[in-house]
């Protein structure tokens, strides 16, 4: 996957300069669809999602759902709403929006259920699927470790990307990060990789690599903008979007790495739910709704053609 140059800078999250320096959460920027060309350079958050209301219920797919999902008439989805453009909070600071949110809403339509996206810390979602949440959709890269705990249905492809201050003033070289500070989001595969690099620096007797882990991606981005960290590491669509929202203060470093499937999290061994979600995702792919959602958010480079259950993922 290539860097997301097509990401719509008029969409979404309040990763404006003021917000970054304040360290605040998403959801307070303003402007219009012409904001990108305005003198203030403010970003608009008017794009609130692709309208999936016309997606019809599929009775054959809906009847596959287990009773614990259908009994309350809702599809409850756990997601970390700090990860624009996949899942974040709209201008009201309350409403989840993003391409993962739209996919979740479309799935609920196929099932004939009401979508109920709930904000959660990223590291709390997987342990809560099957109890607090029916599914988890939060840019989860499929990994061997995660597959030991939960099932996955693939719905997107993403890589990882590094971002630094414009012009790379600290001369960051990702092949030699010892002695530097890298910002990551807690419980992500990027945090795991950064910790592996840190251990290797120690084993080689080199300067320590500082890994600064934050629960919110907005804070990860802020750490680089403010100089607390030298570089951040995140999913490629998230990195591209964050860069677009910093008014030229950050830039991508190198190329996107390690493209791998992202998936919808389902309770381990729940084959009935696995099949229902896989068929629903595939239906949305086949009828064109899925690609329309991704194009709305400018992330169609990550589109897949076939949704799979427990597909091989990253190491």
C-alpha atoms as a PDB file:
ATOM      1  CA  UNK A   1       0.000   0.000   0.000  1.00  0.00           C
ATOM      2  CA  UNK A   2       1.320   3.432  -0.853  1.00  0.00           C
ATOM      3  CA  UNK A   3       1.121   6.491   1.363  1.00  0.00           C
ATOM      4  CA  UNK A   4      -2.372   7.905   1.403  1.00  0.00           C
ATOM      5  CA  UNK A   5      -1.881  11.051  -0.661  1.00  0.00           C
ATOM      6  CA  UNK A   6      -5.568  10.892  -1.513  1.00  0.00           C
ATOM      7  CA  UNK A   7      -6.674  11.285   2.090  1.00  0.00           C
ATOM      8  CA  UNK A   8      -9.258  14.034   2.298  1.00  0.00           C
ATOM      9  CA  UNK A   9      -7.800  16.836   4.337  1.00  0.00           C
ATOM     10  CA  UNK A  10     -11.260  18.356   4.561  1.00  0.00           C
ATOM     11  CA  UNK A  11     -12.503  15.382   6.545  1.00  0.00           C
ATOM     12  CA  UNK A  12     -12.709  14.974  10.136  1.00  0.00           C
ATOM     13  CA  UNK A  13     -10.693  14.940  13.257  1.00  0.00           C
ATOM     14  CA  UNK A  14      -9.422  17.889  15.224  1.00  0.00           C
ATOM     15  CA  UNK A  15      -5.767  17.258  14.757  1.00  0.00           C
ATOM     16  CA  UNK A  16      -5.305  20.938  14.051  1.00  0.00           C
ATOM     17  CA  UNK A  17      -2.216  22.744  15.250  1.00  0.00           C
ATOM     18  CA  UNK A  18      -3.968  24.251  18.227  1.00  0.00           C
ATOM     19  CA  UNK A  19      -5.339  20.895  19.262  1.00  0.00           C
ATOM     20  CA  UNK A  20      -2.000  19.222  18.926  1.00  0.00           C
ATOM     21  CA  UNK A  21      -0.233  21.676  21.158  1.00  0.00           C
ATOM     22  CA  UNK A  22      -3.057  21.575  23.668  1.00  0.00           C
ATOM     23  CA  UNK A  23      -2.860  17.788  23.694  1.00  0.00           C
ATOM     24  CA  UNK A  24      -6.635  17.624  23.470  1.00  0.00           C
ATOM     25  CA  UNK A  25      -8.783  14.866  22.001  1.00  0.00           C
ATOM     26  CA  UNK A  26     -10.374  14.747  18.555  1.00  0.00           C
ATOM     27  CA  UNK A  27     -13.473  16.668  17.717  1.00  0.00           C
ATOM     28  CA  UNK A  28     -13.250  20.453  17.972  1.00  0.00           C
ATOM     29  CA  UNK A  29     -12.011  21.765  14.633  1.00  0.00           C
ATOM     30  CA  UNK A  30     -14.276  23.810  12.410  1.00  0.00           C
ATOM     31  CA  UNK A  31     -14.433  25.186   8.886  1.00  0.00           C
ATOM     32  CA  UNK A  32     -16.000  24.337   5.570  1.00  0.00           C
ATOM     33  CA  UNK A  33     -15.296  22.131   2.594  1.00  0.00           C
ATOM     34  CA  UNK A  34     -13.105  24.958   1.315  1.00  0.00           C
ATOM     35  CA  UNK A  35     -11.146  25.108   4.551  1.00  0.00           C
ATOM     36  CA  UNK A  36      -8.012  23.675   3.021  1.00  0.00           C
ATOM     37  CA  UNK A  37      -7.653  26.764   0.869  1.00  0.00           C
ATOM     38  CA  UNK A  38      -8.662  29.305   3.513  1.00  0.00           C
ATOM     39  CA  UNK A  39      -6.234  31.724   5.120  1.00  0.00           C
ATOM     40  CA  UNK A  40      -6.598  30.059   8.498  1.00  0.00           C
ATOM     41  CA  UNK A  41      -5.802  26.619   7.103  1.00  0.00           C
ATOM     42  CA  UNK A  42      -8.304  25.075   9.507  1.00  0.00           C
ATOM     43  CA  UNK A  43      -9.676  21.628   8.727  1.00  0.00           C
ATOM     44  CA  UNK A  44     -13.344  20.866   8.294  1.00  0.00           C
ATOM     45  CA  UNK A  45     -15.023  18.102  10.259  1.00  0.00           C
ATOM     46  CA  UNK A  46     -18.235  18.276   8.246  1.00  0.00           C
ATOM     47  CA  UNK A  47     -17.744  14.883   6.609  1.00  0.00           C
ATOM     48  CA  UNK A  48     -19.595  12.729   9.083  1.00  0.00           C
ATOM     49  CA  UNK A  49     -19.736   9.468   7.164  1.00  0.00           C
ATOM     50  CA  UNK A  50     -21.062   7.648   4.151  1.00  0.00           C
ATOM     51  CA  UNK A  51     -24.834   7.153   4.239  1.00  0.00           C
ATOM     52  CA  UNK A  52     -25.496   3.410   4.581  1.00  0.00           C
ATOM     53  CA  UNK A  53     -29.197   3.748   5.353  1.00  0.00           C
ATOM     54  CA  UNK A  54     -30.179   2.182   2.020  1.00  0.00           C
ATOM     55  CA  UNK A  55     -28.298  -1.049   2.756  1.00  0.00           C
ATOM     56  CA  UNK A  56     -30.956  -3.756   3.021  1.00  0.00           C
ATOM     57  CA  UNK A  57     -31.236  -6.539   5.568  1.00  0.00           C
ATOM     58  CA  UNK A  58     -30.210  -9.951   4.264  1.00  0.00           C
ATOM     59  CA  UNK A  59     -32.414 -12.486   6.014  1.00  0.00           C
ATOM     60  CA  UNK A  60     -30.206 -15.454   5.121  1.00  0.00           C
ATOM     61  CA  UNK A  61     -27.164 -13.796   6.673  1.00  0.00           C
ATOM     62  CA  UNK A  62     -29.073 -12.379   9.640  1.00  0.00           C
ATOM     63  CA  UNK A  63     -30.367 -15.803  10.681  1.00  0.00           C
ATOM     64  CA  UNK A  64     -26.775 -16.978  11.128  1.00  0.00           C
ATOM     65  CA  UNK A  65     -26.268 -14.631  14.062  1.00  0.00           C
ATOM     66  CA  UNK A  66     -26.158 -16.189  17.545  1.00  0.00           C
ATOM     67  CA  UNK A  67     -28.880 -15.269  20.034  1.00  0.00           C
ATOM     68  CA  UNK A  68     -26.541 -13.269  22.281  1.00  0.00           C
ATOM     69  CA  UNK A  69     -26.096 -10.768  19.436  1.00  0.00           C
ATOM     70  CA  UNK A  70     -29.717 -10.421  18.326  1.00  0.00           C
ATOM     71  CA  UNK A  71     -31.509 -10.454  21.679  1.00  0.00           C
ATOM     72  CA  UNK A  72     -31.267  -6.673  22.252  1.00  0.00           C
ATOM     73  CA  UNK A  73     -31.670  -5.633  18.612  1.00  0.00           C
ATOM     74  CA  UNK A  74     -28.242  -3.986  18.577  1.00  0.00           C
ATOM     75  CA  UNK A  75     -24.819  -4.728  17.138  1.00  0.00           C
ATOM     76  CA  UNK A  76     -22.474  -3.466  19.835  1.00  0.00           C
ATOM     77  CA  UNK A  77     -19.021  -2.576  18.528  1.00  0.00           C
ATOM     78  CA  UNK A  78     -15.951  -1.769  20.597  1.00  0.00           C
ATOM     79  CA  UNK A  79     -13.583   0.761  19.023  1.00  0.00           C
ATOM     80  CA  UNK A  80     -10.848   3.192  20.009  1.00  0.00           C
ATOM     81  CA  UNK A  81     -12.126   6.498  18.640  1.00  0.00           C
ATOM     82  CA  UNK A  82      -8.754   8.247  18.490  1.00  0.00           C
ATOM     83  CA  UNK A  83      -7.612   6.666  15.228  1.00  0.00           C
ATOM     84  CA  UNK A  84      -8.641   8.915  12.332  1.00  0.00           C
ATOM     85  CA  UNK A  85      -9.677   8.296   9.628  1.00  0.00           C
ATOM     86  CA  UNK A  86     -10.700   4.777  10.709  1.00  0.00           C
ATOM     87  CA  UNK A  87     -12.550   5.599  13.920  1.00  0.00           C
ATOM     88  CA  UNK A  88     -12.640   8.940  15.735  1.00  0.00           C
ATOM     89  CA  UNK A  89     -15.062  11.435  17.253  1.00  0.00           C
ATOM     90  CA  UNK A  90     -17.013  13.969  15.227  1.00  0.00           C
ATOM     91  CA  UNK A  91     -17.162  17.676  15.961  1.00  0.00           C
ATOM     92  CA  UNK A  92     -19.591  17.121  18.839  1.00  0.00           C
ATOM     93  CA  UNK A  93     -16.927  15.133  20.705  1.00  0.00           C
ATOM     94  CA  UNK A  94     -19.359  12.243  21.151  1.00  0.00           C
ATOM     95  CA  UNK A  95     -20.308  10.670  17.837  1.00  0.00           C
ATOM     96  CA  UNK A  96     -17.985   7.996  16.379  1.00  0.00           C
ATOM     97  CA  UNK A  97     -17.189   8.520  12.697  1.00  0.00           C
ATOM     98  CA  UNK A  98     -14.708   7.083  10.206  1.00  0.00           C
ATOM     99  CA  UNK A  99     -14.491   4.326   7.615  1.00  0.00           C
ATOM    100  CA  UNK A 100     -14.506   1.532  10.202  1.00  0.00           C
ATOM    101  CA  UNK A 101     -17.583   3.125  11.773  1.00  0.00           C
ATOM    102  CA  UNK A 102     -19.350   3.238   8.416  1.00  0.00           C
ATOM    103  CA  UNK A 103     -18.463  -0.411   7.752  1.00  0.00           C
ATOM    104  CA  UNK A 104     -19.835  -1.321  11.192  1.00  0.00           C
ATOM    105  CA  UNK A 105     -23.072   0.546  10.464  1.00  0.00           C
ATOM    106  CA  UNK A 106     -23.396  -1.178   7.097  1.00  0.00           C
ATOM    107  CA  UNK A 107     -22.902  -4.576   8.750  1.00  0.00           C
ATOM    108  CA  UNK A 108     -25.644  -3.744  11.241  1.00  0.00           C
ATOM    109  CA  UNK A 109     -27.950  -2.885   8.317  1.00  0.00           C
ATOM    110  CA  UNK A 110     -27.258  -6.277   6.699  1.00  0.00           C
ATOM    111  CA  UNK A 111     -28.080  -7.949  10.017  1.00  0.00           C
ATOM    112  CA  UNK A 112     -31.212  -5.872  10.563  1.00  0.00           C
ATOM    113  CA  UNK A 113     -29.787  -4.502  13.799  1.00  0.00           C
ATOM    114  CA  UNK A 114     -29.099  -1.057  15.211  1.00  0.00           C
ATOM    115  CA  UNK A 115     -25.400  -0.164  15.181  1.00  0.00           C
ATOM    116  CA  UNK A 116     -24.067   0.729  18.631  1.00  0.00           C
ATOM    117  CA  UNK A 117     -20.403   1.821  18.345  1.00  0.00           C
ATOM    118  CA  UNK A 118     -18.874   2.330  21.786  1.00  0.00           C
ATOM    119  CA  UNK A 119     -15.636   4.131  22.587  1.00  0.00           C
ATOM    120  CA  UNK A 120     -13.031   2.067  24.444  1.00  0.00           C
ATOM    121  CA  UNK A 121      -9.303   2.003  25.079  1.00  0.00           C
ATOM    122  CA  UNK A 122      -7.636  -0.013  22.330  1.00  0.00           C
ATOM    123  CA  UNK A 123      -6.073  -2.526  24.703  1.00  0.00           C
ATOM    124  CA  UNK A 124      -9.412  -3.267  26.399  1.00  0.00           C
ATOM    125  CA  UNK A 125     -11.379  -4.246  23.289  1.00  0.00           C
ATOM    126  CA  UNK A 126     -10.126  -7.765  22.536  1.00  0.00           C
ATOM    127  CA  UNK A 127     -10.660  -9.012  26.125  1.00  0.00           C
ATOM    128  CA  UNK A 128     -14.228  -7.635  26.034  1.00  0.00           C
ATOM    129  CA  UNK A 129     -15.432  -9.103  22.729  1.00  0.00           C
ATOM    130  CA  UNK A 130     -18.100 -11.720  23.314  1.00  0.00           C
ATOM    131  CA  UNK A 131     -19.135 -10.180  26.611  1.00  0.00           C
ATOM    132  CA  UNK A 132     -19.315  -6.379  26.555  1.00  0.00           C
ATOM    133  CA  UNK A 133     -19.060  -6.084  22.759  1.00  0.00           C
ATOM    134  CA  UNK A 134     -20.484  -8.267  19.990  1.00  0.00           C
ATOM    135  CA  UNK A 135     -17.505  -7.420  17.781  1.00  0.00           C
ATOM    136  CA  UNK A 136     -14.458  -5.176  17.789  1.00  0.00           C
ATOM    137  CA  UNK A 137     -13.582  -2.959  14.830  1.00  0.00           C
ATOM    138  CA  UNK A 138     -10.598  -0.748  15.533  1.00  0.00           C
ATOM    139  CA  UNK A 139      -7.858  -1.114  12.904  1.00  0.00           C
ATOM    140  CA  UNK A 140      -6.763  -4.446  14.388  1.00  0.00           C
ATOM    141  CA  UNK A 141      -3.899  -5.937  12.395  1.00  0.00           C
ATOM    142  CA  UNK A 142      -4.245  -9.709  12.280  1.00  0.00           C
ATOM    143  CA  UNK A 143      -1.320 -11.280  14.145  1.00  0.00           C
ATOM    144  CA  UNK A 144      -0.522 -14.794  15.302  1.00  0.00           C
ATOM    145  CA  UNK A 145      -0.646 -13.645  18.906  1.00  0.00           C
ATOM    146  CA  UNK A 146      -4.104 -12.108  18.536  1.00  0.00           C
ATOM    147  CA  UNK A 147      -5.391 -15.163  16.674  1.00  0.00           C
ATOM    148  CA  UNK A 148      -4.662 -17.183  19.807  1.00  0.00           C
ATOM    149  CA  UNK A 149      -7.157 -15.034  21.718  1.00  0.00           C
ATOM    150  CA  UNK A 150      -9.888 -14.164  19.189  1.00  0.00           C
ATOM    151  CA  UNK A 151     -11.167 -14.890  15.693  1.00  0.00           C
ATOM    152  CA  UNK A 152     -10.851 -12.413  12.829  1.00  0.00           C
ATOM    153  CA  UNK A 153     -12.769 -11.588   9.666  1.00  0.00           C
ATOM    154  CA  UNK A 154     -10.648  -9.532   7.260  1.00  0.00           C
ATOM    155  CA  UNK A 155     -11.991  -6.194   6.039  1.00  0.00           C
ATOM    156  CA  UNK A 156      -9.022  -3.986   5.085  1.00  0.00           C
ATOM    157  CA  UNK A 157      -5.314  -4.037   4.227  1.00  0.00           C
ATOM    158  CA  UNK A 158      -2.879  -1.627   5.856  1.00  0.00           C
ATOM    159  CA  UNK A 159       0.832  -1.264   6.340  1.00  0.00           C
ATOM    160  CA  UNK A 160       2.893   0.666   8.856  1.00  0.00           C
ATOM    161  CA  UNK A 161       4.495   4.051   8.359  1.00  0.00           C
ATOM    162  CA  UNK A 162       6.936   6.364  10.138  1.00  0.00           C
ATOM    163  CA  UNK A 163       6.400  10.109  10.496  1.00  0.00           C
ATOM    164  CA  UNK A 164       8.834  12.842  11.519  1.00  0.00           C
ATOM    165  CA  UNK A 165       8.954  16.615  11.631  1.00  0.00           C
ATOM    166  CA  UNK A 166       9.033  18.272   8.215  1.00  0.00           C
ATOM    167  CA  UNK A 167      12.508  18.081   6.745  1.00  0.00           C
ATOM    168  CA  UNK A 168      13.564  15.399   9.233  1.00  0.00           C
ATOM    169  CA  UNK A 169      15.654  17.859  11.335  1.00  0.00           C
ATOM    170  CA  UNK A 170      16.795  15.104  13.713  1.00  0.00           C
ATOM    171  CA  UNK A 171      18.089  13.029  10.780  1.00  0.00           C
ATOM    172  CA  UNK A 172      16.065   9.955  11.751  1.00  0.00           C
ATOM    173  CA  UNK A 173      17.082   6.739  10.008  1.00  0.00           C
ATOM    174  CA  UNK A 174      14.651   3.894  10.677  1.00  0.00           C
ATOM    175  CA  UNK A 175      17.432   1.369  10.132  1.00  0.00           C
ATOM    176  CA  UNK A 176      19.253   2.802  13.170  1.00  0.00           C
ATOM    177  CA  UNK A 177      16.892   4.144  15.822  1.00  0.00           C
ATOM    178  CA  UNK A 178      19.112   3.486  18.838  1.00  0.00           C
ATOM    179  CA  UNK A 179      19.431   6.634  20.927  1.00  0.00           C
ATOM    180  CA  UNK A 180      16.195   8.089  19.563  1.00  0.00           C
ATOM    181  CA  UNK A 181      12.632   8.328  20.904  1.00  0.00           C
ATOM    182  CA  UNK A 182       9.728   6.722  19.042  1.00  0.00           C
ATOM    183  CA  UNK A 183       6.047   7.375  19.815  1.00  0.00           C
ATOM    184  CA  UNK A 184       3.484   4.579  19.391  1.00  0.00           C
ATOM    185  CA  UNK A 185      -0.043   3.757  20.476  1.00  0.00           C
ATOM    186  CA  UNK A 186      -0.435   1.306  23.332  1.00  0.00           C
ATOM    187  CA  UNK A 187      -1.150  -2.338  22.419  1.00  0.00           C
ATOM    188  CA  UNK A 188      -0.577  -1.865  18.687  1.00  0.00           C
ATOM    189  CA  UNK A 189       1.703  -4.034  16.595  1.00  0.00           C
ATOM    190  CA  UNK A 190       3.827  -0.913  16.115  1.00  0.00           C
ATOM    191  CA  UNK A 191       4.422  -0.790  19.869  1.00  0.00           C
ATOM    192  CA  UNK A 192       5.480  -4.440  19.761  1.00  0.00           C
ATOM    193  CA  UNK A 193       7.914  -3.763  16.921  1.00  0.00           C
ATOM    194  CA  UNK A 194       9.342  -0.675  18.627  1.00  0.00           C
ATOM    195  CA  UNK A 195       9.967  -2.659  21.803  1.00  0.00           C
ATOM    196  CA  UNK A 196      11.749  -5.345  19.753  1.00  0.00           C
ATOM    197  CA  UNK A 197      14.031  -2.687  18.274  1.00  0.00           C
ATOM    198  CA  UNK A 198      14.664  -1.287  21.760  1.00  0.00           C
ATOM    199  CA  UNK A 199      15.706  -4.716  23.039  1.00  0.00           C
ATOM    200  CA  UNK A 200      18.037  -5.167  20.082  1.00  0.00           C
ATOM    201  CA  UNK A 201      19.671  -1.805  20.775  1.00  0.00           C
ATOM    202  CA  UNK A 202      20.308  -2.953  24.344  1.00  0.00           C
ATOM    203  CA  UNK A 203      21.611  -6.352  23.230  1.00  0.00           C
ATOM    204  CA  UNK A 204      24.009  -4.671  20.811  1.00  0.00           C
ATOM    205  CA  UNK A 205      25.305  -2.340  23.519  1.00  0.00           C
ATOM    206  CA  UNK A 206      24.041   0.740  21.684  1.00  0.00           C
ATOM    207  CA  UNK A 207      22.301   3.824  23.023  1.00  0.00           C
ATOM    208  CA  UNK A 208      18.834   3.177  24.402  1.00  0.00           C
ATOM    209  CA  UNK A 209      15.781   3.556  22.180  1.00  0.00           C
ATOM    210  CA  UNK A 210      13.041   5.294  24.126  1.00  0.00           C
ATOM    211  CA  UNK A 211       9.560   3.972  23.385  1.00  0.00           C
ATOM    212  CA  UNK A 212       6.842   6.464  24.347  1.00  0.00           C
ATOM    213  CA  UNK A 213       3.512   4.651  24.420  1.00  0.00           C
ATOM    214  CA  UNK A 214       0.207   6.538  24.559  1.00  0.00           C
ATOM    215  CA  UNK A 215      -3.342   5.233  24.679  1.00  0.00           C
ATOM    216  CA  UNK A 216      -4.520   7.783  22.077  1.00  0.00           C
ATOM    217  CA  UNK A 217      -3.092   8.245  18.575  1.00  0.00           C
ATOM    218  CA  UNK A 218      -3.726  11.982  18.905  1.00  0.00           C
ATOM    219  CA  UNK A 219      -1.197  12.017  21.750  1.00  0.00           C
ATOM    220  CA  UNK A 220       1.247   9.957  19.679  1.00  0.00           C
ATOM    221  CA  UNK A 221       1.110  12.577  16.928  1.00  0.00           C
ATOM    222  CA  UNK A 222       1.396  15.424  19.418  1.00  0.00           C
ATOM    223  CA  UNK A 223       4.559  13.919  20.873  1.00  0.00           C
ATOM    224  CA  UNK A 224       6.352  14.331  17.543  1.00  0.00           C
ATOM    225  CA  UNK A 225       4.936  17.789  16.788  1.00  0.00           C
ATOM    226  CA  UNK A 226       6.068  19.078  20.195  1.00  0.00           C
ATOM    227  CA  UNK A 227       9.471  17.358  20.076  1.00  0.00           C
ATOM    228  CA  UNK A 228       8.874  14.927  22.913  1.00  0.00           C
ATOM    229  CA  UNK A 229       9.515  12.115  20.414  1.00  0.00           C
ATOM    230  CA  UNK A 230      11.661  12.039  17.272  1.00  0.00           C
ATOM    231  CA  UNK A 231       9.342   9.861  15.189  1.00  0.00           C
ATOM    232  CA  UNK A 232       6.030   8.042  15.395  1.00  0.00           C
ATOM    233  CA  UNK A 233       5.054   4.652  14.002  1.00  0.00           C
ATOM    234  CA  UNK A 234       1.437   3.827  13.091  1.00  0.00           C
ATOM    235  CA  UNK A 235      -0.852   2.158  10.561  1.00  0.00           C
ATOM    236  CA  UNK A 236      -0.287   3.720   7.144  1.00  0.00           C
ATOM    237  CA  UNK A 237      -3.772   5.279   6.649  1.00  0.00           C
ATOM    238  CA  UNK A 238      -3.643   6.709  10.160  1.00  0.00           C
ATOM    239  CA  UNK A 239      -0.155   8.116   9.667  1.00  0.00           C
ATOM    240  CA  UNK A 240      -1.132   9.658   6.333  1.00  0.00           C
ATOM    241  CA  UNK A 241      -4.236  11.235   7.796  1.00  0.00           C
ATOM    242  CA  UNK A 242      -2.423  12.564  10.869  1.00  0.00           C
ATOM    243  CA  UNK A 243       0.242  14.139   8.679  1.00  0.00           C
ATOM    244  CA  UNK A 244      -2.419  15.802   6.514  1.00  0.00           C
ATOM    245  CA  UNK A 245      -3.966  17.340   9.625  1.00  0.00           C
ATOM    246  CA  UNK A 246      -0.801  19.023  10.961  1.00  0.00           C
ATOM    247  CA  UNK A 247      -0.577  21.803   8.384  1.00  0.00           C
ATOM    248  CA  UNK A 248       2.776  20.689   7.024  1.00  0.00           C
ATOM    249  CA  UNK A 249       4.499  20.142  10.368  1.00  0.00           C
ATOM    250  CA  UNK A 250       5.035  16.401   9.787  1.00  0.00           C
ATOM    251  CA  UNK A 251       5.990  14.214   6.839  1.00  0.00           C
ATOM    252  CA  UNK A 252       6.183  10.530   6.009  1.00  0.00           C
ATOM    253  CA  UNK A 253       9.620   8.963   6.422  1.00  0.00           C
ATOM    254  CA  UNK A 254      10.396   6.302   3.841  1.00  0.00           C
ATOM    255  CA  UNK A 255       7.832   3.975   2.316  1.00  0.00           C
ATOM    256  CA  UNK A 256       4.903   2.077   3.782  1.00  0.00           C
ATOM    257  CA  UNK A 257       6.087  -1.204   5.303  1.00  0.00           C
ATOM    258  CA  UNK A 258       4.615  -4.628   5.921  1.00  0.00           C
ATOM    259  CA  UNK A 259       1.159  -4.471   4.380  1.00  0.00           C
ATOM    260  CA  UNK A 260      -1.053  -6.940   6.277  1.00  0.00           C
ATOM    261  CA  UNK A 261      -4.761  -7.656   6.758  1.00  0.00           C
ATOM    262  CA  UNK A 262      -6.815  -5.862   9.369  1.00  0.00           C
ATOM    263  CA  UNK A 263      -9.827  -7.643  10.747  1.00  0.00           C
ATOM    264  CA  UNK A 264     -13.062  -7.531  12.693  1.00  0.00           C
ATOM    265  CA  UNK A 265     -12.625  -9.156  16.090  1.00  0.00           C
ATOM    266  CA  UNK A 266     -14.995 -11.982  17.079  1.00  0.00           C
ATOM    267  CA  UNK A 267     -15.129 -14.198  20.157  1.00  0.00           C
ATOM    268  CA  UNK A 268     -12.714 -17.117  19.837  1.00  0.00           C
ATOM    269  CA  UNK A 269     -14.334 -20.222  18.372  1.00  0.00           C
ATOM    270  CA  UNK A 270     -17.675 -18.570  17.582  1.00  0.00           C
ATOM    271  CA  UNK A 271     -17.991 -20.105  14.111  1.00  0.00           C
ATOM    272  CA  UNK A 272     -21.609 -18.985  13.783  1.00  0.00           C
ATOM    273  CA  UNK A 273     -20.658 -15.329  14.254  1.00  0.00           C
ATOM    274  CA  UNK A 274     -17.548 -15.750  12.103  1.00  0.00           C
ATOM    275  CA  UNK A 275     -19.667 -16.932   9.178  1.00  0.00           C
ATOM    276  CA  UNK A 276     -22.308 -14.230   9.600  1.00  0.00           C
ATOM    277  CA  UNK A 277     -19.754 -11.408   9.682  1.00  0.00           C
ATOM    278  CA  UNK A 278     -17.709 -12.823   6.796  1.00  0.00           C
ATOM    279  CA  UNK A 279     -20.772 -13.182   4.586  1.00  0.00           C
ATOM    280  CA  UNK A 280     -21.953  -9.692   5.500  1.00  0.00           C
ATOM    281  CA  UNK A 281     -18.581  -8.123   4.692  1.00  0.00           C
ATOM    282  CA  UNK A 282     -18.439 -10.017   1.400  1.00  0.00           C
ATOM    283  CA  UNK A 283     -21.954  -8.861   0.524  1.00  0.00           C
ATOM    284  CA  UNK A 284     -20.898  -5.234   1.070  1.00  0.00           C
ATOM    285  CA  UNK A 285     -17.829  -5.794  -1.098  1.00  0.00           C
ATOM    286  CA  UNK A 286     -19.849  -7.416  -3.879  1.00  0.00           C
ATOM    287  CA  UNK A 287     -22.622  -4.810  -3.971  1.00  0.00           C
ATOM    288  CA  UNK A 288     -20.164  -1.891  -4.024  1.00  0.00           C
ATOM    289  CA  UNK A 289     -21.078  -0.355  -0.665  1.00  0.00           C
ATOM    290  CA  UNK A 290     -17.701  -1.225   0.851  1.00  0.00           C
ATOM    291  CA  UNK A 291     -15.661   0.539  -1.834  1.00  0.00           C
ATOM    292  CA  UNK A 292     -17.935   3.587  -1.737  1.00  0.00           C
ATOM    293  CA  UNK A 293     -17.261   3.885   1.999  1.00  0.00           C
ATOM    294  CA  UNK A 294     -13.499   3.659   1.515  1.00  0.00           C
ATOM    295  CA  UNK A 295     -13.549   6.181  -1.342  1.00  0.00           C
ATOM    296  CA  UNK A 296     -15.543   8.597   0.799  1.00  0.00           C
ATOM    297  CA  UNK A 297     -12.671   8.605   3.311  1.00  0.00           C
ATOM    298  CA  UNK A 298      -9.915   8.478   0.684  1.00  0.00           C
ATOM    299  CA  UNK A 299      -8.525   5.103   1.777  1.00  0.00           C
ATOM    300  CA  UNK A 300      -9.554   2.909  -1.158  1.00  0.00           C
ATOM    301  CA  UNK A 301      -5.929   1.763  -1.584  1.00  0.00           C
ATOM    302  CA  UNK A 302      -6.594  -0.576   1.343  1.00  0.00           C
ATOM    303  CA  UNK A 303      -9.612  -2.270  -0.245  1.00  0.00           C
ATOM    304  CA  UNK A 304      -9.790  -6.059  -0.348  1.00  0.00           C
ATOM    305  CA  UNK A 305     -11.756  -8.208  -2.786  1.00  0.00           C
ATOM    306  CA  UNK A 306     -12.367 -11.242  -0.587  1.00  0.00           C
ATOM    307  CA  UNK A 307     -13.114 -11.343   3.131  1.00  0.00           C
ATOM    308  CA  UNK A 308     -11.660 -14.320   4.989  1.00  0.00           C
ATOM    309  CA  UNK A 309     -11.996 -15.924   8.414  1.00  0.00           C
ATOM    310  CA  UNK A 310      -8.790 -16.284  10.468  1.00  0.00           C
ATOM    311  CA  UNK A 311      -6.600 -15.460   7.508  1.00  0.00           C
ATOM    312  CA  UNK A 312      -2.797 -15.575   7.918  1.00  0.00           C
ATOM    313  CA  UNK A 313      -1.636 -12.229   9.250  1.00  0.00           C
ATOM    314  CA  UNK A 314       1.507 -10.483  10.294  1.00  0.00           C
ATOM    315  CA  UNK A 315       4.139 -12.177  12.408  1.00  0.00           C
END
